[in-house]
PDB file of all heavy atoms in Angstrom:
ATOM      1  N   VAL A   1      -7.740   1.257 -13.708  1.00  0.00           N
ATOM      2  CA  VAL A   1      -8.368   2.577 -13.772  1.00  0.00           C
ATOM      3  C   VAL A   1      -7.457   3.563 -14.496  1.00  0.00           C
ATOM      4  O   VAL A   1      -7.911   4.350 -15.324  1.00  0.00           O
ATOM      5  CB  VAL A   1      -8.698   3.087 -12.351  1.00  0.00           C
ATOM      6  CG1 VAL A   1      -9.212   4.532 -12.404  1.00  0.00           C
ATOM      7  CG2 VAL A   1      -9.742   2.181 -11.697  1.00  0.00           C
ATOM      8  N   GLY A   2      -6.181   3.527 -14.183  1.00  0.00           N
ATOM      9  CA  GLY A   2      -5.206   4.316 -14.917  1.00  0.00           C
ATOM     10  C   GLY A   2      -5.263   5.811 -14.685  1.00  0.00           C
ATOM     11  O   GLY A   2      -4.914   6.583 -15.584  1.00  0.00           O
ATOM     12  N   ALA A   3      -5.672   6.242 -13.493  1.00  0.00           N
ATOM     13  CA  ALA A   3      -5.749   7.668 -13.181  1.00  0.00           C
ATOM     14  C   ALA A   3      -4.574   8.063 -12.285  1.00  0.00           C
ATOM     15  O   ALA A   3      -4.317   7.403 -11.278  1.00  0.00           O
ATOM     16  CB  ALA A   3      -7.071   7.990 -12.486  1.00  0.00           C
ATOM     17  N   GLU A   4      -3.895   9.128 -12.646  1.00  0.00           N
ATOM     18  CA  GLU A   4      -2.719   9.542 -11.881  1.00  0.00           C
ATOM     19  C   GLU A   4      -3.064   9.939 -10.454  1.00  0.00           C
ATOM     20  O   GLU A   4      -2.221   9.822  -9.551  1.00  0.00           O
ATOM     21  CB  GLU A   4      -2.015  10.706 -12.582  1.00  0.00           C
ATOM     22  CG  GLU A   4      -1.311  10.299 -13.882  1.00  0.00           C
ATOM     23  CD  GLU A   4      -0.508  11.438 -14.465  1.00  0.00           C
ATOM     24  OE1 GLU A   4      -0.473  12.525 -13.832  1.00  0.00           O
ATOM     25  OE2 GLU A   4       0.086  11.255 -15.536  1.00  0.00           O
ATOM     26  N   ASN A   5      -4.270  10.429 -10.215  1.00  0.00           N
ATOM     27  CA  ASN A   5      -4.648  10.897  -8.878  1.00  0.00           C
ATOM     28  C   ASN A   5      -5.435   9.835  -8.097  1.00  0.00           C
ATOM     29  O   ASN A   5      -6.050  10.154  -7.073  1.00  0.00           O
ATOM     30  CB  ASN A   5      -5.460  12.190  -8.951  1.00  0.00           C
ATOM     31  CG  ASN A   5      -6.811  12.001  -9.621  1.00  0.00           C
ATOM     32  OD1 ASN A   5      -6.951  11.207 -10.552  1.00  0.00           O
ATOM     33  ND2 ASN A   5      -7.803  12.738  -9.148  1.00  0.00           N
ATOM     34  N   LEU A   6      -5.410   8.585  -8.556  1.00  0.00           N
ATOM     35  CA  LEU A   6      -5.957   7.467  -7.784  1.00  0.00           C
ATOM     36  C   LEU A   6      -4.796   6.759  -7.107  1.00  0.00           C
ATOM     37  O   LEU A   6      -3.879   6.260  -7.765  1.00  0.00           O
ATOM     38  CB  LEU A   6      -6.708   6.496  -8.695  1.00  0.00           C
ATOM     39  CG  LEU A   6      -7.395   5.323  -7.975  1.00  0.00           C
ATOM     40  CD1 LEU A   6      -8.511   5.807  -7.065  1.00  0.00           C
ATOM     41  CD2 LEU A   6      -7.926   4.310  -8.992  1.00  0.00           C
ATOM     42  N   LYS A   7      -4.802   6.741  -5.775  1.00  0.00           N
ATOM     43  CA  LYS A   7      -3.668   6.249  -5.015  1.00  0.00           C
ATOM     44  C   LYS A   7      -4.087   5.158  -4.026  1.00  0.00           C
ATOM     45  O   LYS A   7      -5.270   4.942  -3.764  1.00  0.00           O
ATOM     46  CB  LYS A   7      -3.017   7.405  -4.239  1.00  0.00           C
ATOM     47  CG  LYS A   7      -2.462   8.522  -5.106  1.00  0.00           C
ATOM     48  CD  LYS A   7      -1.237   8.081  -5.886  1.00  0.00           C
ATOM     49  CE  LYS A   7      -0.600   9.229  -6.643  1.00  0.00           C
ATOM     50  NZ  LYS A   7       0.633   8.807  -7.353  1.00  0.00           N
ATOM     51  N   LEU A   8      -3.076   4.524  -3.465  1.00  0.00           N
ATOM     52  CA  LEU A   8      -3.269   3.453  -2.498  1.00  0.00           C
ATOM     53  C   LEU A   8      -3.211   3.995  -1.076  1.00  0.00           C
ATOM     54  O   LEU A   8      -2.270   4.686  -0.699  1.00  0.00           O
ATOM     55  CB  LEU A   8      -2.183   2.394  -2.683  1.00  0.00           C
ATOM     56  CG  LEU A   8      -2.161   1.231  -1.683  1.00  0.00           C
ATOM     57  CD1 LEU A   8      -3.405   0.372  -1.816  1.00  0.00           C
ATOM     58  CD2 LEU A   8      -0.901   0.392  -1.884  1.00  0.00           C
ATOM     59  N   GLN A   9      -4.227   3.681  -0.306  1.00  0.00           N
ATOM     60  CA  GLN A   9      -4.208   3.920   1.131  1.00  0.00           C
ATOM     61  C   GLN A   9      -3.694   2.638   1.787  1.00  0.00           C
ATOM     62  O   GLN A   9      -4.399   1.643   1.856  1.00  0.00           O
ATOM     63  CB  GLN A   9      -5.609   4.274   1.633  1.00  0.00           C
ATOM     64  CG  GLN A   9      -5.685   4.636   3.100  1.00  0.00           C
ATOM     65  CD  GLN A   9      -7.044   5.209   3.454  1.00  0.00           C
ATOM     66  OE1 GLN A   9      -7.583   6.031   2.717  1.00  0.00           O
ATOM     67  NE2 GLN A   9      -7.614   4.788   4.570  1.00  0.00           N
ATOM     68  N   PHE A  10      -2.447   2.669   2.223  1.00  0.00           N
ATOM     69  CA  PHE A  10      -1.769   1.462   2.706  1.00  0.00           C
ATOM     70  C   PHE A  10      -1.911   1.397   4.220  1.00  0.00           C
ATOM     71  O   PHE A  10      -1.223   2.109   4.952  1.00  0.00           O
ATOM     72  CB  PHE A  10      -0.293   1.493   2.309  1.00  0.00           C
ATOM     73  CG  PHE A  10       0.405   0.172   2.420  1.00  0.00           C
ATOM     74  CD1 PHE A  10       1.024  -0.400   1.319  1.00  0.00           C
ATOM     75  CD2 PHE A  10       0.454  -0.516   3.629  1.00  0.00           C
ATOM     76  CE1 PHE A  10       1.679  -1.623   1.417  1.00  0.00           C
ATOM     77  CE2 PHE A  10       1.091  -1.738   3.745  1.00  0.00           C
ATOM     78  CZ  PHE A  10       1.705  -2.293   2.629  1.00  0.00           C
ATOM     79  N   ASP A  11      -2.812   0.546   4.689  1.00  0.00           N
ATOM     80  CA  ASP A  11      -3.013   0.351   6.120  1.00  0.00           C
ATOM     81  C   ASP A  11      -2.237  -0.889   6.547  1.00  0.00           C
ATOM     82  O   ASP A  11      -2.567  -2.011   6.173  1.00  0.00           O
ATOM     83  CB  ASP A  11      -4.505   0.192   6.416  1.00  0.00           C
ATOM     84  CG  ASP A  11      -4.811   0.217   7.902  1.00  0.00           C
ATOM     85  OD1 ASP A  11      -4.155  -0.536   8.657  1.00  0.00           O
ATOM     86  OD2 ASP A  11      -5.721   0.959   8.315  1.00  0.00           O
ATOM     87  N   LEU A  12      -1.194  -0.660   7.335  1.00  0.00           N
ATOM     88  CA  LEU A  12      -0.309  -1.752   7.723  1.00  0.00           C
ATOM     89  C   LEU A  12      -1.012  -2.781   8.597  1.00  0.00           C
ATOM     90  O   LEU A  12      -0.667  -3.971   8.558  1.00  0.00           O
ATOM     91  CB  LEU A  12       0.928  -1.189   8.418  1.00  0.00           C
ATOM     92  CG  LEU A  12       1.885  -0.476   7.447  1.00  0.00           C
ATOM     93  CD1 LEU A  12       2.515   0.737   8.081  1.00  0.00           C
ATOM     94  CD2 LEU A  12       2.949  -1.431   6.944  1.00  0.00           C
ATOM     95  N   TYR A  13      -1.970  -2.356   9.367  1.00  0.00           N
ATOM     96  CA  TYR A  13      -2.757  -3.288  10.187  1.00  0.00           C
ATOM     97  C   TYR A  13      -3.510  -4.269   9.297  1.00  0.00           C
ATOM     98  O   TYR A  13      -3.438  -5.493   9.476  1.00  0.00           O
ATOM     99  CB  TYR A  13      -3.718  -2.482  11.066  1.00  0.00           C
ATOM    100  CG  TYR A  13      -4.804  -3.277  11.722  1.00  0.00           C
ATOM    101  CD1 TYR A  13      -4.563  -4.042  12.862  1.00  0.00           C
ATOM    102  CD2 TYR A  13      -6.107  -3.248  11.219  1.00  0.00           C
ATOM    103  CE1 TYR A  13      -5.581  -4.770  13.475  1.00  0.00           C
ATOM    104  CE2 TYR A  13      -7.129  -3.965  11.821  1.00  0.00           C
ATOM    105  CZ  TYR A  13      -6.866  -4.717  12.952  1.00  0.00           C
ATOM    106  OH  TYR A  13      -7.875  -5.429  13.549  1.00  0.00           O
ATOM    107  N   HIS A  14      -4.238  -3.762   8.322  1.00  0.00           N
ATOM    108  CA  HIS A  14      -4.996  -4.636   7.429  1.00  0.00           C
ATOM    109  C   HIS A  14      -4.067  -5.527   6.601  1.00  0.00           C
ATOM    110  O   HIS A  14      -4.342  -6.718   6.391  1.00  0.00           O
ATOM    111  CB  HIS A  14      -5.872  -3.805   6.490  1.00  0.00           C
ATOM    112  CG  HIS A  14      -6.957  -3.056   7.184  1.00  0.00           C
ATOM    113  ND1 HIS A  14      -7.869  -3.648   8.019  1.00  0.00           N
ATOM    114  CD2 HIS A  14      -7.284  -1.733   7.152  1.00  0.00           C
ATOM    115  CE1 HIS A  14      -8.717  -2.739   8.481  1.00  0.00           C
ATOM    116  NE2 HIS A  14      -8.376  -1.562   7.965  1.00  0.00           N
ATOM    117  N   CYS A  15      -2.960  -4.961   6.131  1.00  0.00           N
ATOM    118  CA  CYS A  15      -2.029  -5.727   5.313  1.00  0.00           C
ATOM    119  C   CYS A  15      -1.403  -6.865   6.095  1.00  0.00           C
ATOM    120  O   CYS A  15      -1.248  -7.978   5.566  1.00  0.00           O
ATOM    121  CB  CYS A  15      -0.950  -4.802   4.747  1.00  0.00           C
ATOM    122  SG  CYS A  15       0.238  -5.628   3.651  1.00  0.00           S
ATOM    123  N   GLN A  16      -1.047  -6.615   7.343  1.00  0.00           N
ATOM    124  CA  GLN A  16      -0.452  -7.672   8.147  1.00  0.00           C
ATOM    125  C   GLN A  16      -1.416  -8.844   8.318  1.00  0.00           C
ATOM    126  O   GLN A  16      -1.018 -10.014   8.249  1.00  0.00           O
ATOM    127  CB  GLN A  16      -0.031  -7.123   9.515  1.00  0.00           C
ATOM    128  CG  GLN A  16       0.443  -8.170  10.516  1.00  0.00           C
ATOM    129  CD  GLN A  16       1.747  -8.840  10.130  1.00  0.00           C
ATOM    130  OE1 GLN A  16       2.370  -8.478   9.134  1.00  0.00           O
ATOM    131  NE2 GLN A  16       2.145  -9.830  10.900  1.00  0.00           N
ATOM    132  N   ILE A  17      -2.690  -8.555   8.521  1.00  0.00           N
ATOM    133  CA  ILE A  17      -3.683  -9.612   8.718  1.00  0.00           C
ATOM    134  C   ILE A  17      -3.905 -10.401   7.434  1.00  0.00           C
ATOM    135  O   ILE A  17      -4.004 -11.634   7.457  1.00  0.00           O
ATOM    136  CB  ILE A  17      -4.994  -9.007   9.233  1.00  0.00           C
ATOM    137  CG1 ILE A  17      -4.800  -8.479  10.657  1.00  0.00           C
ATOM    138  CG2 ILE A  17      -6.128 -10.041   9.210  1.00  0.00           C
ATOM    139  CD1 ILE A  17      -5.963  -7.673  11.196  1.00  0.00           C
ATOM    140  N   MET A  18      -3.954  -9.731   6.298  1.00  0.00           N
ATOM    141  CA  MET A  18      -4.304 -10.396   5.042  1.00  0.00           C
ATOM    142  C   MET A  18      -3.092 -10.927   4.276  1.00  0.00           C
ATOM    143  O   MET A  18      -3.177 -11.969   3.625  1.00  0.00           O
ATOM    144  CB  MET A  18      -5.081  -9.431   4.134  1.00  0.00           C
ATOM    145  CG  MET A  18      -6.398  -8.959   4.704  1.00  0.00           C
ATOM    146  SD  MET A  18      -7.577 -10.292   5.052  1.00  0.00           S
ATOM    147  CE  MET A  18      -7.922 -10.908   3.395  1.00  0.00           C
ATOM    148  N   ASP A  19      -1.966 -10.207   4.320  1.00  0.00           N
ATOM    149  CA  ASP A  19      -0.841 -10.532   3.450  1.00  0.00           C
ATOM    150  C   ASP A  19       0.494 -10.716   4.162  1.00  0.00           C
ATOM    151  O   ASP A  19       1.335 -11.483   3.707  1.00  0.00           O
ATOM    152  CB  ASP A  19      -0.658  -9.435   2.388  1.00  0.00           C
ATOM    153  CG  ASP A  19      -1.780  -9.421   1.366  1.00  0.00           C
ATOM    154  OD1 ASP A  19      -1.930 -10.422   0.661  1.00  0.00           O
ATOM    155  OD2 ASP A  19      -2.486  -8.399   1.261  1.00  0.00           O
ATOM    156  N   GLY A  20       0.717  -9.986   5.262  1.00  0.00           N
ATOM    157  CA  GLY A  20       2.025 -10.020   5.917  1.00  0.00           C
ATOM    158  C   GLY A  20       3.115  -9.418   5.040  1.00  0.00           C
ATOM    159  O   GLY A  20       2.841  -8.686   4.094  1.00  0.00           O
ATOM    160  N   ASP A  21       4.383  -9.726   5.383  1.00  0.00           N
ATOM    161  CA  ASP A  21       5.530  -9.286   4.585  1.00  0.00           C
ATOM    162  C   ASP A  21       5.470  -7.779   4.324  1.00  0.00           C
ATOM    163  O   ASP A  21       5.614  -7.300   3.196  1.00  0.00           O
ATOM    164  CB  ASP A  21       5.570 -10.063   3.263  1.00  0.00           C
ATOM    165  CG  ASP A  21       6.950 -10.090   2.622  1.00  0.00           C
ATOM    166  OD1 ASP A  21       7.932  -9.803   3.331  1.00  0.00           O
ATOM    167  OD2 ASP A  21       7.036 -10.390   1.420  1.00  0.00           O
ATOM    168  N   LEU A  22       5.285  -7.005   5.395  1.00  0.00           N
ATOM    169  CA  LEU A  22       4.932  -5.593   5.277  1.00  0.00           C
ATOM    170  C   LEU A  22       5.974  -4.757   4.551  1.00  0.00           C
ATOM    171  O   LEU A  22       5.632  -3.965   3.667  1.00  0.00           O
ATOM    172  CB  LEU A  22       4.691  -5.010   6.678  1.00  0.00           C
ATOM    173  CG  LEU A  22       3.513  -5.605   7.453  1.00  0.00           C
ATOM    174  CD1 LEU A  22       3.435  -4.979   8.840  1.00  0.00           C
ATOM    175  CD2 LEU A  22       2.205  -5.407   6.692  1.00  0.00           C
ATOM    176  N   ILE A  23       7.227  -4.897   4.917  1.00  0.00           N
ATOM    177  CA  ILE A  23       8.251  -4.045   4.319  1.00  0.00           C
ATOM    178  C   ILE A  23       8.389  -4.310   2.826  1.00  0.00           C
ATOM    179  O   ILE A  23       8.525  -3.377   2.025  1.00  0.00           O
ATOM    180  CB  ILE A  23       9.589  -4.199   5.063  1.00  0.00           C
ATOM    181  CG1 ILE A  23       9.505  -3.481   6.419  1.00  0.00           C
ATOM    182  CG2 ILE A  23      10.752  -3.648   4.233  1.00  0.00           C
ATOM    183  CD1 ILE A  23      10.740  -3.609   7.283  1.00  0.00           C
ATOM    184  N   ARG A  24       8.331  -5.565   2.426  1.00  0.00           N
ATOM    185  CA  ARG A  24       8.434  -5.863   0.987  1.00  0.00           C
ATOM    186  C   ARG A  24       7.219  -5.314   0.231  1.00  0.00           C
ATOM    187  O   ARG A  24       7.353  -4.803  -0.892  1.00  0.00           O
ATOM    188  CB  ARG A  24       8.566  -7.373   0.774  1.00  0.00           C
ATOM    189  CG  ARG A  24       9.891  -7.932   1.266  1.00  0.00           C
ATOM    190  CD  ARG A  24      11.064  -7.401   0.448  1.00  0.00           C
ATOM    191  NE  ARG A  24      12.335  -7.878   0.955  1.00  0.00           N
ATOM    192  CZ  ARG A  24      13.193  -7.148   1.664  1.00  0.00           C
ATOM    193  NH1 ARG A  24      12.915  -5.894   1.953  1.00  0.00           N
ATOM    194  NH2 ARG A  24      14.330  -7.667   2.101  1.00  0.00           N
ATOM    195  N   HIS A  25       6.036  -5.395   0.819  1.00  0.00           N
ATOM    196  CA  HIS A  25       4.864  -4.799   0.173  1.00  0.00           C
ATOM    197  C   HIS A  25       5.031  -3.289   0.048  1.00  0.00           C
ATOM    198  O   HIS A  25       4.720  -2.705  -1.004  1.00  0.00           O
ATOM    199  CB  HIS A  25       3.591  -5.127   0.964  1.00  0.00           C
ATOM    200  CG  HIS A  25       2.995  -6.464   0.636  1.00  0.00           C
ATOM    201  ND1 HIS A  25       2.456  -6.756  -0.596  1.00  0.00           N
ATOM    202  CD2 HIS A  25       2.851  -7.585   1.385  1.00  0.00           C
ATOM    203  CE1 HIS A  25       2.011  -8.001  -0.591  1.00  0.00           C
ATOM    204  NE2 HIS A  25       2.234  -8.523   0.591  1.00  0.00           N
ATOM    205  N   LEU A  26       5.507  -2.648   1.095  1.00  0.00           N
ATOM    206  CA  LEU A  26       5.740  -1.209   1.024  1.00  0.00           C
ATOM    207  C   LEU A  26       6.725  -0.857  -0.083  1.00  0.00           C
ATOM    208  O   LEU A  26       6.522   0.100  -0.841  1.00  0.00           O
ATOM    209  CB  LEU A  26       6.268  -0.696   2.360  1.00  0.00           C
ATOM    210  CG  LEU A  26       5.264  -0.524   3.499  1.00  0.00           C
ATOM    211  CD1 LEU A  26       6.000  -0.216   4.798  1.00  0.00           C
ATOM    212  CD2 LEU A  26       4.259   0.576   3.194  1.00  0.00           C
ATOM    213  N   GLU A  27       7.786  -1.615  -0.185  1.00  0.00           N
ATOM    214  CA  GLU A  27       8.797  -1.346  -1.208  1.00  0.00           C
ATOM    215  C   GLU A  27       8.225  -1.512  -2.612  1.00  0.00           C
ATOM    216  O   GLU A  27       8.453  -0.670  -3.485  1.00  0.00           O
ATOM    217  CB  GLU A  27       9.995  -2.270  -1.010  1.00  0.00           C
ATOM    218  CG  GLU A  27      10.799  -1.964   0.238  1.00  0.00           C
ATOM    219  CD  GLU A  27      11.852  -3.022   0.526  1.00  0.00           C
ATOM    220  OE1 GLU A  27      11.730  -4.157   0.018  1.00  0.00           O
ATOM    221  OE2 GLU A  27      12.804  -2.711   1.264  1.00  0.00           O
ATOM    222  N   ARG A  28       7.493  -2.601  -2.829  1.00  0.00           N
ATOM    223  CA  ARG A  28       6.961  -2.875  -4.169  1.00  0.00           C
ATOM    224  C   ARG A  28       5.880  -1.880  -4.571  1.00  0.00           C
ATOM    225  O   ARG A  28       5.746  -1.539  -5.753  1.00  0.00           O
ATOM    226  CB  ARG A  28       6.399  -4.297  -4.233  1.00  0.00           C
ATOM    227  CG  ARG A  28       7.468  -5.398  -4.236  1.00  0.00           C
ATOM    228  CD  ARG A  28       6.867  -6.733  -4.622  1.00  0.00           C
ATOM    229  NE  ARG A  28       5.908  -7.208  -3.643  1.00  0.00           N
ATOM    230  CZ  ARG A  28       6.202  -8.010  -2.607  1.00  0.00           C
ATOM    231  NH1 ARG A  28       7.456  -8.397  -2.420  1.00  0.00           N
ATOM    232  NH2 ARG A  28       5.273  -8.408  -1.777  1.00  0.00           N
ATOM    233  N   GLN A  29       5.113  -1.406  -3.617  1.00  0.00           N
ATOM    234  CA  GLN A  29       3.956  -0.563  -3.924  1.00  0.00           C
ATOM    235  C   GLN A  29       4.207   0.909  -3.621  1.00  0.00           C
ATOM    236  O   GLN A  29       3.303   1.735  -3.738  1.00  0.00           O
ATOM    237  CB  GLN A  29       2.746  -1.070  -3.129  1.00  0.00           C
ATOM    238  CG  GLN A  29       2.374  -2.500  -3.495  1.00  0.00           C
ATOM    239  CD  GLN A  29       1.490  -3.179  -2.469  1.00  0.00           C
ATOM    240  OE1 GLN A  29       0.794  -2.532  -1.715  1.00  0.00           O
ATOM    241  NE2 GLN A  29       1.527  -4.501  -2.434  1.00  0.00           N
ATOM    242  N   PHE A  30       5.431   1.243  -3.283  1.00  0.00           N
ATOM    243  CA  PHE A  30       5.731   2.573  -2.761  1.00  0.00           C
ATOM    244  C   PHE A  30       5.267   3.687  -3.696  1.00  0.00           C
ATOM    245  O   PHE A  30       4.701   4.693  -3.249  1.00  0.00           O
ATOM    246  CB  PHE A  30       7.230   2.699  -2.488  1.00  0.00           C
ATOM    247  CG  PHE A  30       7.596   3.996  -1.826  1.00  0.00           C
ATOM    248  CD1 PHE A  30       7.289   4.217  -0.491  1.00  0.00           C
ATOM    249  CD2 PHE A  30       8.233   4.991  -2.545  1.00  0.00           C
ATOM    250  CE1 PHE A  30       7.620   5.425   0.118  1.00  0.00           C
ATOM    251  CE2 PHE A  30       8.563   6.194  -1.938  1.00  0.00           C
ATOM    252  CZ  PHE A  30       8.251   6.417  -0.611  1.00  0.00           C
ATOM    253  N   SER A  31       5.482   3.538  -4.976  1.00  0.00           N
ATOM    254  CA  SER A  31       5.152   4.617  -5.915  1.00  0.00           C
ATOM    255  C   SER A  31       3.654   4.874  -6.001  1.00  0.00           C
ATOM    256  O   SER A  31       3.234   5.944  -6.466  1.00  0.00           O
ATOM    257  CB  SER A  31       5.693   4.293  -7.312  1.00  0.00           C
ATOM    258  OG  SER A  31       5.078   3.129  -7.833  1.00  0.00           O
ATOM    259  N   ALA A  32       2.843   3.927  -5.560  1.00  0.00           N
ATOM    260  CA  ALA A  32       1.392   4.070  -5.639  1.00  0.00           C
ATOM    261  C   ALA A  32       0.774   4.607  -4.357  1.00  0.00           C
ATOM    262  O   ALA A  32      -0.417   4.935  -4.324  1.00  0.00           O
ATOM    263  CB  ALA A  32       0.744   2.720  -5.965  1.00  0.00           C
ATOM    264  N   ILE A  33       1.560   4.719  -3.285  1.00  0.00           N
ATOM    265  CA  ILE A  33       1.006   5.035  -1.966  1.00  0.00           C
ATOM    266  C   ILE A  33       0.705   6.521  -1.832  1.00  0.00           C
ATOM    267  O   ILE A  33       1.547   7.370  -2.086  1.00  0.00           O
ATOM    268  CB  ILE A  33       1.981   4.593  -0.855  1.00  0.00           C
ATOM    269  CG1 ILE A  33       2.092   3.061  -0.827  1.00  0.00           C
ATOM    270  CG2 ILE A  33       1.519   5.110   0.512  1.00  0.00           C
ATOM    271  CD1 ILE A  33       3.146   2.538   0.135  1.00  0.00           C
ATOM    272  N   GLY A  34      -0.530   6.804  -1.397  1.00  0.00           N
ATOM    273  CA  GLY A  34      -0.923   8.180  -1.126  1.00  0.00           C
ATOM    274  C   GLY A  34      -1.100   8.484   0.341  1.00  0.00           C
ATOM    275  O   GLY A  34      -1.149   9.649   0.738  1.00  0.00           O
ATOM    276  N   HIS A  35      -1.198   7.439   1.163  1.00  0.00           N
ATOM    277  CA  HIS A  35      -1.403   7.623   2.594  1.00  0.00           C
ATOM    278  C   HIS A  35      -1.118   6.296   3.284  1.00  0.00           C
ATOM    279  O   HIS A  35      -1.330   5.227   2.695  1.00  0.00           O
ATOM    280  CB  HIS A  35      -2.849   8.059   2.867  1.00  0.00           C
ATOM    281  CG  HIS A  35      -3.122   8.456   4.295  1.00  0.00           C
ATOM    282  ND1 HIS A  35      -2.559   9.556   4.879  1.00  0.00           N
ATOM    283  CD2 HIS A  35      -3.917   7.890   5.251  1.00  0.00           C
ATOM    284  CE1 HIS A  35      -2.996   9.669   6.130  1.00  0.00           C
ATOM    285  NE2 HIS A  35      -3.817   8.671   6.383  1.00  0.00           N
ATOM    286  N   ILE A  36      -0.663   6.370   4.539  1.00  0.00           N
ATOM    287  CA  ILE A  36      -0.360   5.168   5.316  1.00  0.00           C
ATOM    288  C   ILE A  36      -1.074   5.260   6.655  1.00  0.00           C
ATOM    289  O   ILE A  36      -1.226   6.356   7.223  1.00  0.00           O
ATOM    290  CB  ILE A  36       1.165   5.020   5.513  1.00  0.00           C
ATOM    291  CG1 ILE A  36       1.836   4.658   4.185  1.00  0.00           C
ATOM    292  CG2 ILE A  36       1.501   3.972   6.574  1.00  0.00           C
ATOM    293  CD1 ILE A  36       3.351   4.648   4.230  1.00  0.00           C
ATOM    294  N   GLN A  37      -1.527   4.111   7.157  1.00  0.00           N
ATOM    295  CA  GLN A  37      -2.140   4.047   8.478  1.00  0.00           C
ATOM    296  C   GLN A  37      -1.524   2.913   9.285  1.00  0.00           C
ATOM    297  O   GLN A  37      -1.050   1.919   8.712  1.00  0.00           O
ATOM    298  CB  GLN A  37      -3.657   3.853   8.372  1.00  0.00           C
ATOM    299  CG  GLN A  37      -4.369   5.074   7.804  1.00  0.00           C
ATOM    300  CD  GLN A  37      -5.842   4.850   7.566  1.00  0.00           C
ATOM    301  OE1 GLN A  37      -6.258   3.778   7.140  1.00  0.00           O
ATOM    302  NE2 GLN A  37      -6.649   5.862   7.834  1.00  0.00           N
TER     303      GLN A  37
END
């Protein structure tokens, strides 16, 4: 999409179920995060 105001809503609950490795995902995606749950 390439829009500066399009961000990632990082829900740790959903990420743990689907992907795990939460801290590494947070680190890699940190610059894109607009909100955390």
